């Protein structure tokens, strides 16, 4: 993935209000953009983590049954 693709994906996530950012001046170059999760982004991340954990449990159960 190149920087343009990464920036495009970050914009999509920001536009979905899952991320926010702030600019900070740098003493050694151009200003830097720092991202952080919004409250909505944190809820979404937690939902993804729960879904992932449920999937892992289902796969583990299926593997145990098929042994």
C-alpha atoms as a PDB file:
ATOM      1  CA  UNK A   1       0.000   0.000   0.000  1.00  0.00           C
ATOM      2  CA  UNK A   2       1.459   3.370  -0.940  1.00  0.00           C
ATOM      3  CA  UNK A   3       1.057   6.685   0.863  1.00  0.00           C
ATOM      4  CA  UNK A   4      -1.686   7.918  -1.488  1.00  0.00           C
ATOM      5  CA  UNK A   5      -3.794   4.826  -0.816  1.00  0.00           C
ATOM      6  CA  UNK A   6      -3.208   5.139   2.905  1.00  0.00           C
ATOM      7  CA  UNK A   7      -4.242   8.790   2.886  1.00  0.00           C
ATOM      8  CA  UNK A   8      -7.364   7.989   0.839  1.00  0.00           C
ATOM      9  CA  UNK A   9      -8.360   5.271   3.318  1.00  0.00           C
ATOM     10  CA  UNK A  10      -7.761   7.582   6.267  1.00  0.00           C
ATOM     11  CA  UNK A  11     -10.005  10.208   4.629  1.00  0.00           C
ATOM     12  CA  UNK A  12     -12.779   7.630   4.201  1.00  0.00           C
ATOM     13  CA  UNK A  13     -12.567   6.617   7.842  1.00  0.00           C
ATOM     14  CA  UNK A  14     -12.476  10.275   8.918  1.00  0.00           C
ATOM     15  CA  UNK A  15     -15.490  11.075   6.731  1.00  0.00           C
ATOM     16  CA  UNK A  16     -17.329   8.205   8.430  1.00  0.00           C
ATOM     17  CA  UNK A  17     -16.606  10.107  11.692  1.00  0.00           C
ATOM     18  CA  UNK A  18     -14.557   7.220  13.097  1.00  0.00           C
ATOM     19  CA  UNK A  19     -11.346   9.270  13.240  1.00  0.00           C
ATOM     20  CA  UNK A  20     -10.436  12.834  13.969  1.00  0.00           C
ATOM     21  CA  UNK A  21      -7.105  14.568  13.570  1.00  0.00           C
ATOM     22  CA  UNK A  22      -5.112  17.556  14.645  1.00  0.00           C
ATOM     23  CA  UNK A  23      -2.211  19.370  13.041  1.00  0.00           C
ATOM     24  CA  UNK A  24       0.920  19.965  15.062  1.00  0.00           C
ATOM     25  CA  UNK A  25       3.842  22.137  14.057  1.00  0.00           C
ATOM     26  CA  UNK A  26       7.157  20.358  13.751  1.00  0.00           C
ATOM     27  CA  UNK A  27      10.567  21.778  14.505  1.00  0.00           C
ATOM     28  CA  UNK A  28      12.092  19.525  11.830  1.00  0.00           C
ATOM     29  CA  UNK A  29       9.884  19.715   8.773  1.00  0.00           C
ATOM     30  CA  UNK A  30       6.297  20.333   7.733  1.00  0.00           C
ATOM     31  CA  UNK A  31       3.369  20.241  10.167  1.00  0.00           C
ATOM     32  CA  UNK A  32       2.263  16.743  11.147  1.00  0.00           C
ATOM     33  CA  UNK A  33      -1.213  15.294  11.267  1.00  0.00           C
ATOM     34  CA  UNK A  34      -2.055  13.169  14.316  1.00  0.00           C
ATOM     35  CA  UNK A  35      -5.128  10.937  14.174  1.00  0.00           C
ATOM     36  CA  UNK A  36      -7.204   9.625  17.050  1.00  0.00           C
ATOM     37  CA  UNK A  37     -10.356   7.552  17.342  1.00  0.00           C
ATOM     38  CA  UNK A  38     -13.597   9.379  17.952  1.00  0.00           C
ATOM     39  CA  UNK A  39     -16.177   8.029  20.386  1.00  0.00           C
ATOM     40  CA  UNK A  40     -18.000   6.544  17.392  1.00  0.00           C
ATOM     41  CA  UNK A  41     -14.731   5.034  16.170  1.00  0.00           C
ATOM     42  CA  UNK A  42     -14.068   3.452  19.553  1.00  0.00           C
ATOM     43  CA  UNK A  43     -17.547   1.889  19.579  1.00  0.00           C
ATOM     44  CA  UNK A  44     -17.020   0.574  16.040  1.00  0.00           C
ATOM     45  CA  UNK A  45     -13.601  -0.857  16.922  1.00  0.00           C
ATOM     46  CA  UNK A  46     -15.100  -2.616  19.952  1.00  0.00           C
ATOM     47  CA  UNK A  47     -17.864  -4.084  17.765  1.00  0.00           C
ATOM     48  CA  UNK A  48     -15.249  -5.360  15.312  1.00  0.00           C
ATOM     49  CA  UNK A  49     -13.229  -6.891  18.139  1.00  0.00           C
ATOM     50  CA  UNK A  50     -16.323  -8.638  19.533  1.00  0.00           C
ATOM     51  CA  UNK A  51     -17.226  -9.982  16.106  1.00  0.00           C
ATOM     52  CA  UNK A  52     -13.668 -11.208  15.587  1.00  0.00           C
ATOM     53  CA  UNK A  53     -13.671 -12.953  18.972  1.00  0.00           C
ATOM     54  CA  UNK A  54     -16.988 -14.652  18.158  1.00  0.00           C
ATOM     55  CA  UNK A  55     -15.528 -15.867  14.854  1.00  0.00           C
ATOM     56  CA  UNK A  56     -12.404 -17.212  16.570  1.00  0.00           C
ATOM     57  CA  UNK A  57     -14.548 -19.074  19.116  1.00  0.00           C
ATOM     58  CA  UNK A  58     -16.726 -20.558  16.341  1.00  0.00           C
ATOM     59  CA  UNK A  59     -13.688 -21.747  14.387  1.00  0.00           C
ATOM     60  CA  UNK A  60     -12.114 -23.254  17.503  1.00  0.00           C
ATOM     61  CA  UNK A  61     -15.354 -25.059  18.355  1.00  0.00           C
ATOM     62  CA  UNK A  62     -15.638 -26.379  14.796  1.00  0.00           C
ATOM     63  CA  UNK A  63     -12.061 -27.653  14.921  1.00  0.00           C
ATOM     64  CA  UNK A  64     -12.702 -29.431  18.232  1.00  0.00           C
ATOM     65  CA  UNK A  65     -15.876 -31.068  16.904  1.00  0.00           C
ATOM     66  CA  UNK A  66     -14.111 -32.275  13.756  1.00  0.00           C
ATOM     67  CA  UNK A  67     -11.178 -33.918  15.591  1.00  0.00           C
END
